[in-house]
PDB file of all heavy atoms in Angstrom:
ATOM      1  N   LEU A   1       0.831  -1.180   0.006  1.00  0.00           N
ATOM      2  CA  LEU A   1      -0.049   0.043   0.013  1.00  0.00           C
ATOM      3  C   LEU A   1       0.832   1.252   0.002  1.00  0.00           C
ATOM      4  O   LEU A   1       0.451   2.250  -0.612  1.00  0.00           O
ATOM      5  CB  LEU A   1      -0.939   0.012   1.165  1.00  0.00           C
ATOM      6  CG  LEU A   1      -2.103  -1.034   1.061  1.00  0.00           C
ATOM      7  CD1 LEU A   1      -2.849  -1.099   2.353  1.00  0.00           C
ATOM      8  CD2 LEU A   1      -3.087  -0.658  -0.027  1.00  0.00           C
ATOM      9  N   ARG A   2       2.024   1.232   0.611  1.00  0.00           N
ATOM     10  CA  ARG A   2       2.896   2.365   0.600  1.00  0.00           C
ATOM     11  C   ARG A   2       3.412   2.594  -0.844  1.00  0.00           C
ATOM     12  O   ARG A   2       3.518   3.822  -1.285  1.00  0.00           O
ATOM     13  CB  ARG A   2       4.120   2.177   1.499  1.00  0.00           C
ATOM     14  CG  ARG A   2       3.815   2.478   2.971  1.00  0.00           C
ATOM     15  CD  ARG A   2       5.055   2.760   3.816  1.00  0.00           C
ATOM     16  NE  ARG A   2       6.048   1.663   3.749  1.00  0.00           N
ATOM     17  CZ  ARG A   2       6.068   0.601   4.452  1.00  0.00           C
ATOM     18  NH1 ARG A   2       5.167   0.501   5.419  1.00  0.00           N
ATOM     19  NH2 ARG A   2       6.994  -0.318   4.307  1.00  0.00           N
ATOM     20  N   ILE A   3       3.713   1.596  -1.603  1.00  0.00           N
ATOM     21  CA  ILE A   3       4.084   1.756  -3.002  1.00  0.00           C
ATOM     22  C   ILE A   3       2.973   2.420  -3.808  1.00  0.00           C
ATOM     23  O   ILE A   3       3.209   3.384  -4.597  1.00  0.00           O
ATOM     24  CB  ILE A   3       4.590   0.417  -3.584  1.00  0.00           C
ATOM     25  CG1 ILE A   3       5.768  -0.115  -2.902  1.00  0.00           C
ATOM     26  CG2 ILE A   3       4.822   0.584  -5.116  1.00  0.00           C
ATOM     27  CD1 ILE A   3       6.123  -1.565  -3.332  1.00  0.00           C
ATOM     28  N   VAL A   4       1.753   1.898  -3.583  1.00  0.00           N
ATOM     29  CA  VAL A   4       0.606   2.503  -4.285  1.00  0.00           C
ATOM     30  C   VAL A   4       0.491   3.948  -3.980  1.00  0.00           C
ATOM     31  O   VAL A   4       0.219   4.719  -4.854  1.00  0.00           O
ATOM     32  CB  VAL A   4      -0.699   1.722  -3.908  1.00  0.00           C
ATOM     33  CG1 VAL A   4      -1.930   2.393  -4.384  1.00  0.00           C
ATOM     34  CG2 VAL A   4      -0.610   0.275  -4.453  1.00  0.00           C
ATOM     35  N   GLU A   5       0.619   4.249  -2.705  1.00  0.00           N
ATOM     36  CA  GLU A   5       0.438   5.655  -2.257  1.00  0.00           C
ATOM     37  C   GLU A   5       1.519   6.559  -2.858  1.00  0.00           C
ATOM     38  O   GLU A   5       1.256   7.646  -3.421  1.00  0.00           O
ATOM     39  CB  GLU A   5       0.570   5.734  -0.822  1.00  0.00           C
ATOM     40  CG  GLU A   5       0.399   7.136  -0.148  1.00  0.00           C
ATOM     41  CD  GLU A   5       0.479   7.204   1.310  1.00  0.00           C
ATOM     42  OE1 GLU A   5       0.714   6.119   1.954  1.00  0.00           O
ATOM     43  OE2 GLU A   5       0.356   8.284   1.907  1.00  0.00           O
ATOM     44  N   LYS A   6       2.754   6.030  -2.994  1.00  0.00           N
ATOM     45  CA  LYS A   6       3.857   6.878  -3.569  1.00  0.00           C
ATOM     46  C   LYS A   6       3.694   7.065  -5.023  1.00  0.00           C
ATOM     47  O   LYS A   6       3.991   8.107  -5.593  1.00  0.00           O
ATOM     48  CB  LYS A   6       5.197   6.151  -3.279  1.00  0.00           C
ATOM     49  CG  LYS A   6       5.725   6.254  -1.861  1.00  0.00           C
ATOM     50  CD  LYS A   6       7.076   5.489  -1.738  1.00  0.00           C
ATOM     51  CE  LYS A   6       7.604   5.583  -0.298  1.00  0.00           C
ATOM     52  NZ  LYS A   6       8.918   4.872  -0.182  1.00  0.00           N
ATOM     53  N   VAL A   7       3.190   6.017  -5.708  1.00  0.00           N
ATOM     54  CA  VAL A   7       2.932   6.142  -7.175  1.00  0.00           C
ATOM     55  C   VAL A   7       1.874   7.087  -7.424  1.00  0.00           C
ATOM     56  O   VAL A   7       2.041   7.989  -8.283  1.00  0.00           O
ATOM     57  CB  VAL A   7       2.543   4.686  -7.732  1.00  0.00           C
ATOM     58  CG1 VAL A   7       2.040   4.913  -9.153  1.00  0.00           C
ATOM     59  CG2 VAL A   7       3.737   3.720  -7.692  1.00  0.00           C
ATOM     60  N   ARG A   8       0.804   7.190  -6.620  1.00  0.00           N
ATOM     61  CA  ARG A   8      -0.182   8.113  -6.841  1.00  0.00           C
ATOM     62  C   ARG A   8       0.177   9.563  -6.388  1.00  0.00           C
ATOM     63  O   ARG A   8      -0.332  10.519  -7.010  1.00  0.00           O
ATOM     64  CB  ARG A   8      -1.461   7.695  -6.012  1.00  0.00           C
ATOM     65  CG  ARG A   8      -2.114   6.441  -6.697  1.00  0.00           C
ATOM     66  CD  ARG A   8      -3.535   6.226  -6.266  1.00  0.00           C
ATOM     67  NE  ARG A   8      -4.184   5.210  -7.068  1.00  0.00           N
ATOM     68  CZ  ARG A   8      -4.708   4.094  -6.610  1.00  0.00           C
ATOM     69  NH1 ARG A   8      -4.712   3.849  -5.318  1.00  0.00           N
ATOM     70  NH2 ARG A   8      -5.231   3.280  -7.421  1.00  0.00           N
ATOM     71  N   GLU A   9       1.104   9.650  -5.481  1.00  0.00           N
ATOM     72  CA  GLU A   9       1.602  11.018  -5.126  1.00  0.00           C
ATOM     73  C   GLU A   9       2.443  11.563  -6.326  1.00  0.00           C
ATOM     74  O   GLU A   9       2.327  12.743  -6.564  1.00  0.00           O
ATOM     75  CB  GLU A   9       2.512  10.894  -3.866  1.00  0.00           C
ATOM     76  CG  GLU A   9       1.658  10.699  -2.593  1.00  0.00           C
ATOM     77  CD  GLU A   9       2.603  10.535  -1.389  1.00  0.00           C
ATOM     78  OE1 GLU A   9       3.904  10.450  -1.628  1.00  0.00           O
ATOM     79  OE2 GLU A   9       2.120  10.455  -0.274  1.00  0.00           O
ATOM     80  N   ALA A  10       3.192  10.678  -6.914  1.00  0.00           N
ATOM     81  CA  ALA A  10       4.028  11.108  -8.061  1.00  0.00           C
ATOM     82  C   ALA A  10       3.174  11.262  -9.308  1.00  0.00           C
ATOM     83  O   ALA A  10       3.482  12.107 -10.168  1.00  0.00           O
ATOM     84  CB  ALA A  10       5.195  10.174  -8.279  1.00  0.00           C
ATOM     85  N   MET A  11       2.130  10.460  -9.504  1.00  0.00           N
ATOM     86  CA  MET A  11       1.334  10.449 -10.725  1.00  0.00           C
ATOM     87  C   MET A  11      -0.116  10.221 -10.318  1.00  0.00           C
ATOM     88  O   MET A  11      -0.668   9.139 -10.298  1.00  0.00           O
ATOM     89  CB  MET A  11       1.776   9.272 -11.643  1.00  0.00           C
ATOM     90  CG  MET A  11       3.174   9.408 -12.218  1.00  0.00           C
ATOM     91  SD  MET A  11       3.661   7.854 -13.088  1.00  0.00           S
ATOM     92  CE  MET A  11       3.890   6.842 -11.648  1.00  0.00           C
ATOM     93  N   PRO A  12      -0.813  11.324  -9.958  1.00  0.00           N
ATOM     94  CA  PRO A  12      -2.167  11.239  -9.463  1.00  0.00           C
ATOM     95  C   PRO A  12      -3.107  10.541 -10.469  1.00  0.00           C
ATOM     96  O   PRO A  12      -4.139   9.946 -10.010  1.00  0.00           O
ATOM     97  CB  PRO A  12      -2.573  12.706  -9.298  1.00  0.00           C
ATOM     98  CG  PRO A  12      -1.305  13.425  -9.074  1.00  0.00           C
ATOM     99  CD  PRO A  12      -0.272  12.739  -9.918  1.00  0.00           C
ATOM    100  N   GLU A  13      -2.808  10.574 -11.747  1.00  0.00           N
ATOM    101  CA  GLU A  13      -3.747  10.027 -12.706  1.00  0.00           C
ATOM    102  C   GLU A  13      -3.437   8.573 -13.000  1.00  0.00           C
ATOM    103  O   GLU A  13      -4.079   7.932 -13.889  1.00  0.00           O
ATOM    104  CB  GLU A  13      -3.562  10.871 -14.011  1.00  0.00           C
ATOM    105  CG  GLU A  13      -2.373  10.577 -14.841  1.00  0.00           C
ATOM    106  CD  GLU A  13      -1.081  11.330 -14.323  1.00  0.00           C
ATOM    107  OE1 GLU A  13      -1.084  11.735 -13.202  1.00  0.00           O
ATOM    108  OE2 GLU A  13      -0.127  11.570 -15.212  1.00  0.00           O
ATOM    109  N   ALA A  14      -2.473   7.948 -12.338  1.00  0.00           N
ATOM    110  CA  ALA A  14      -2.055   6.577 -12.619  1.00  0.00           C
ATOM    111  C   ALA A  14      -3.188   5.618 -12.292  1.00  0.00           C
ATOM    112  O   ALA A  14      -3.922   5.681 -11.364  1.00  0.00           O
ATOM    113  CB  ALA A  14      -0.823   6.191 -11.788  1.00  0.00           C
ATOM    114  N   ALA A  15      -3.287   4.619 -13.220  1.00  0.00           N
ATOM    115  CA  ALA A  15      -4.222   3.543 -13.042  1.00  0.00           C
ATOM    116  C   ALA A  15      -3.428   2.353 -12.567  1.00  0.00           C
ATOM    117  O   ALA A  15      -2.451   1.956 -13.276  1.00  0.00           O
ATOM    118  CB  ALA A  15      -5.018   3.176 -14.336  1.00  0.00           C
ATOM    119  N   ILE A  16      -3.818   1.712 -11.437  1.00  0.00           N
ATOM    120  CA  ILE A  16      -3.069   0.595 -10.907  1.00  0.00           C
ATOM    121  C   ILE A  16      -3.911  -0.712 -10.941  1.00  0.00           C
ATOM    122  O   ILE A  16      -5.077  -0.626 -10.619  1.00  0.00           O
ATOM    123  CB  ILE A  16      -2.649   0.924  -9.445  1.00  0.00           C
ATOM    124  CG1 ILE A  16      -1.817   2.199  -9.411  1.00  0.00           C
ATOM    125  CG2 ILE A  16      -1.914  -0.299  -8.812  1.00  0.00           C
ATOM    126  CD1 ILE A  16      -1.362   2.654  -8.012  1.00  0.00           C
ATOM    127  N   SER A  17      -3.290  -1.739 -11.421  1.00  0.00           N
ATOM    128  CA  SER A  17      -4.029  -2.972 -11.492  1.00  0.00           C
ATOM    129  C   SER A  17      -3.178  -4.051 -10.817  1.00  0.00           C
ATOM    130  O   SER A  17      -2.015  -3.766 -10.381  1.00  0.00           O
ATOM    131  CB  SER A  17      -4.260  -3.464 -12.961  1.00  0.00           C
ATOM    132  OG  SER A  17      -3.052  -3.501 -13.675  1.00  0.00           O
ATOM    133  N   THR A  18      -3.753  -5.307 -10.583  1.00  0.00           N
ATOM    134  CA  THR A  18      -3.028  -6.264  -9.762  1.00  0.00           C
ATOM    135  C   THR A  18      -3.510  -7.692 -10.176  1.00  0.00           C
ATOM    136  O   THR A  18      -4.452  -7.898 -10.909  1.00  0.00           O
ATOM    137  CB  THR A  18      -3.295  -6.008  -8.271  1.00  0.00           C
ATOM    138  OG1 THR A  18      -2.410  -6.704  -7.475  1.00  0.00           O
ATOM    139  CG2 THR A  18      -4.760  -6.382  -7.918  1.00  0.00           C
ATOM    140  N   ASP A  19      -2.867  -8.645  -9.523  1.00  0.00           N
ATOM    141  CA  ASP A  19      -3.285 -10.087  -9.501  1.00  0.00           C
ATOM    142  C   ASP A  19      -3.578 -10.514  -8.089  1.00  0.00           C
ATOM    143  O   ASP A  19      -2.905 -10.088  -7.146  1.00  0.00           O
ATOM    144  CB  ASP A  19      -2.142 -10.978 -10.051  1.00  0.00           C
ATOM    145  CG  ASP A  19      -1.753 -10.729 -11.507  1.00  0.00           C
ATOM    146  OD1 ASP A  19      -2.598 -10.230 -12.229  1.00  0.00           O
ATOM    147  OD2 ASP A  19      -0.611 -11.019 -11.807  1.00  0.00           O
ATOM    148  N   ILE A  20      -4.625 -11.359  -7.925  1.00  0.00           N
ATOM    149  CA  ILE A  20      -4.987 -11.784  -6.553  1.00  0.00           C
ATOM    150  C   ILE A  20      -5.416 -13.216  -6.668  1.00  0.00           C
ATOM    151  O   ILE A  20      -6.122 -13.619  -7.560  1.00  0.00           O
ATOM    152  CB  ILE A  20      -6.154 -10.961  -6.035  1.00  0.00           C
ATOM    153  CG1 ILE A  20      -5.807  -9.496  -5.800  1.00  0.00           C
ATOM    154  CG2 ILE A  20      -6.584 -11.525  -4.621  1.00  0.00           C
ATOM    155  CD1 ILE A  20      -6.962  -8.619  -5.445  1.00  0.00           C
ATOM    156  N   ILE A  21      -4.907 -14.033  -5.731  1.00  0.00           N
ATOM    157  CA  ILE A  21      -5.232 -15.434  -5.653  1.00  0.00           C
ATOM    158  C   ILE A  21      -6.219 -15.642  -4.423  1.00  0.00           C
ATOM    159  O   ILE A  21      -5.873 -15.151  -3.327  1.00  0.00           O
ATOM    160  CB  ILE A  21      -3.958 -16.361  -5.404  1.00  0.00           C
ATOM    161  CG1 ILE A  21      -3.061 -16.196  -6.615  1.00  0.00           C
ATOM    162  CG2 ILE A  21      -4.388 -17.823  -5.234  1.00  0.00           C
ATOM    163  CD1 ILE A  21      -1.696 -16.901  -6.374  1.00  0.00           C
ATOM    164  N   VAL A  22      -7.250 -16.359  -4.702  1.00  0.00           N
ATOM    165  CA  VAL A  22      -8.251 -16.638  -3.604  1.00  0.00           C
ATOM    166  C   VAL A  22      -8.097 -18.111  -3.264  1.00  0.00           C
ATOM    167  O   VAL A  22      -8.066 -18.981  -4.108  1.00  0.00           O
ATOM    168  CB  VAL A  22      -9.668 -16.335  -4.091  1.00  0.00           C
ATOM    169  CG1 VAL A  22     -10.698 -16.679  -3.000  1.00  0.00           C
ATOM    170  CG2 VAL A  22      -9.842 -14.857  -4.450  1.00  0.00           C
ATOM    171  N   GLY A  23      -8.090 -18.396  -1.911  1.00  0.00           N
ATOM    172  CA  GLY A  23      -8.167 -19.796  -1.502  1.00  0.00           C
ATOM    173  C   GLY A  23      -6.846 -20.513  -1.368  1.00  0.00           C
ATOM    174  O   GLY A  23      -6.760 -21.694  -1.540  1.00  0.00           O
ATOM    175  N   PHE A  24      -5.789 -19.735  -1.168  1.00  0.00           N
ATOM    176  CA  PHE A  24      -4.466 -20.322  -1.019  1.00  0.00           C
ATOM    177  C   PHE A  24      -4.511 -21.205   0.222  1.00  0.00           C
ATOM    178  O   PHE A  24      -5.262 -20.933   1.187  1.00  0.00           O
ATOM    179  CB  PHE A  24      -3.358 -19.233  -0.820  1.00  0.00           C
ATOM    180  CG  PHE A  24      -1.930 -19.779  -0.701  1.00  0.00           C
ATOM    181  CD1 PHE A  24      -1.288 -20.130  -1.846  1.00  0.00           C
ATOM    182  CD2 PHE A  24      -1.363 -19.956   0.518  1.00  0.00           C
ATOM    183  CE1 PHE A  24       0.043 -20.532  -1.819  1.00  0.00           C
ATOM    184  CE2 PHE A  24      -0.074 -20.371   0.566  1.00  0.00           C
ATOM    185  CZ  PHE A  24       0.592 -20.724  -0.608  1.00  0.00           C
ATOM    186  N   PRO A  25      -3.774 -22.380   0.257  1.00  0.00           N
ATOM    187  CA  PRO A  25      -3.854 -23.299   1.396  1.00  0.00           C
ATOM    188  C   PRO A  25      -3.732 -22.585   2.723  1.00  0.00           C
ATOM    189  O   PRO A  25      -2.781 -21.779   2.959  1.00  0.00           O
ATOM    190  CB  PRO A  25      -2.658 -24.216   1.175  1.00  0.00           C
ATOM    191  CG  PRO A  25      -2.565 -24.237  -0.361  1.00  0.00           C
ATOM    192  CD  PRO A  25      -2.851 -22.870  -0.739  1.00  0.00           C
ATOM    193  N   GLY A  26      -4.637 -22.884   3.614  1.00  0.00           N
ATOM    194  CA  GLY A  26      -4.626 -22.297   4.980  1.00  0.00           C
ATOM    195  C   GLY A  26      -5.349 -20.968   5.091  1.00  0.00           C
ATOM    196  O   GLY A  26      -5.407 -20.406   6.206  1.00  0.00           O
ATOM    197  N   GLU A  27      -5.784 -20.356   4.002  1.00  0.00           N
ATOM    198  CA  GLU A  27      -6.473 -19.062   3.994  1.00  0.00           C
ATOM    199  C   GLU A  27      -7.729 -19.206   4.822  1.00  0.00           C
ATOM    200  O   GLU A  27      -8.588 -20.054   4.543  1.00  0.00           O
ATOM    201  CB  GLU A  27      -6.823 -18.636   2.606  1.00  0.00           C
ATOM    202  CG  GLU A  27      -7.534 -17.243   2.611  1.00  0.00           C
ATOM    203  CD  GLU A  27      -8.003 -16.859   1.187  1.00  0.00           C
ATOM    204  OE1 GLU A  27      -9.050 -17.430   0.803  1.00  0.00           O
ATOM    205  OE2 GLU A  27      -7.391 -16.002   0.571  1.00  0.00           O
ATOM    206  N   THR A  28      -7.775 -18.367   5.888  1.00  0.00           N
ATOM    207  CA  THR A  28      -9.072 -18.302   6.702  1.00  0.00           C
ATOM    208  C   THR A  28      -9.979 -17.230   6.228  1.00  0.00           C
ATOM    209  O   THR A  28      -9.597 -16.372   5.394  1.00  0.00           O
ATOM    210  CB  THR A  28      -8.726 -18.143   8.153  1.00  0.00           C
ATOM    211  OG1 THR A  28      -8.125 -16.826   8.274  1.00  0.00           O
ATOM    212  CG2 THR A  28      -7.753 -19.133   8.676  1.00  0.00           C
ATOM    213  N   GLU A  29     -11.172 -17.177   6.856  1.00  0.00           N
ATOM    214  CA  GLU A  29     -12.060 -16.077   6.521  1.00  0.00           C
ATOM    215  C   GLU A  29     -11.491 -14.772   6.963  1.00  0.00           C
ATOM    216  O   GLU A  29     -11.611 -13.714   6.265  1.00  0.00           O
ATOM    217  CB  GLU A  29     -13.371 -16.278   7.277  1.00  0.00           C
ATOM    218  CG  GLU A  29     -14.479 -15.226   6.928  1.00  0.00           C
ATOM    219  CD  GLU A  29     -14.853 -15.133   5.469  1.00  0.00           C
ATOM    220  OE1 GLU A  29     -14.742 -16.171   4.694  1.00  0.00           O
ATOM    221  OE2 GLU A  29     -15.232 -14.045   5.044  1.00  0.00           O
ATOM    222  N   GLU A  30     -10.682 -14.774   8.036  1.00  0.00           N
ATOM    223  CA  GLU A  30     -10.033 -13.540   8.476  1.00  0.00           C
ATOM    224  C   GLU A  30      -8.971 -13.128   7.450  1.00  0.00           C
ATOM    225  O   GLU A  30      -8.812 -11.891   7.214  1.00  0.00           O
ATOM    226  CB  GLU A  30      -9.362 -13.772   9.834  1.00  0.00           C
ATOM    227  CG  GLU A  30     -10.365 -13.894  11.043  1.00  0.00           C
ATOM    228  CD  GLU A  30     -11.083 -15.236  11.024  1.00  0.00           C
ATOM    229  OE1 GLU A  30     -10.502 -16.178  10.372  1.00  0.00           O
ATOM    230  OE2 GLU A  30     -12.165 -15.353  11.606  1.00  0.00           O
ATOM    231  N   ASP A  31      -8.174 -14.097   6.954  1.00  0.00           N
ATOM    232  CA  ASP A  31      -7.152 -13.755   5.893  1.00  0.00           C
ATOM    233  C   ASP A  31      -7.882 -13.151   4.654  1.00  0.00           C
ATOM    234  O   ASP A  31      -7.409 -12.128   4.112  1.00  0.00           O
ATOM    235  CB  ASP A  31      -6.460 -14.978   5.477  1.00  0.00           C
ATOM    236  CG  ASP A  31      -5.592 -15.618   6.571  1.00  0.00           C
ATOM    237  OD1 ASP A  31      -4.978 -14.770   7.308  1.00  0.00           O
ATOM    238  OD2 ASP A  31      -5.536 -16.782   6.708  1.00  0.00           O
ATOM    239  N   PHE A  32      -9.007 -13.741   4.273  1.00  0.00           N
ATOM    240  CA  PHE A  32      -9.757 -13.259   3.086  1.00  0.00           C
ATOM    241  C   PHE A  32     -10.187 -11.829   3.310  1.00  0.00           C
ATOM    242  O   PHE A  32     -10.226 -11.041   2.436  1.00  0.00           O
ATOM    243  CB  PHE A  32     -10.800 -14.182   2.744  1.00  0.00           C
ATOM    244  CG  PHE A  32     -11.584 -13.781   1.499  1.00  0.00           C
ATOM    245  CD1 PHE A  32     -11.029 -13.671   0.270  1.00  0.00           C
ATOM    246  CD2 PHE A  32     -12.943 -13.345   1.655  1.00  0.00           C
ATOM    247  CE1 PHE A  32     -11.757 -13.309  -0.876  1.00  0.00           C
ATOM    248  CE2 PHE A  32     -13.666 -13.002   0.563  1.00  0.00           C
ATOM    249  CZ  PHE A  32     -13.112 -12.855  -0.700  1.00  0.00           C
TER     250      PHE A  32
END
């Protein structure tokens, strides 16, 4: 999140995308 914040401070118009995995072994409801 700090990287995301720094990128937006430097480039307010930046569009940020990502990859997310759901259900990794041991993932609890709290983790999710």
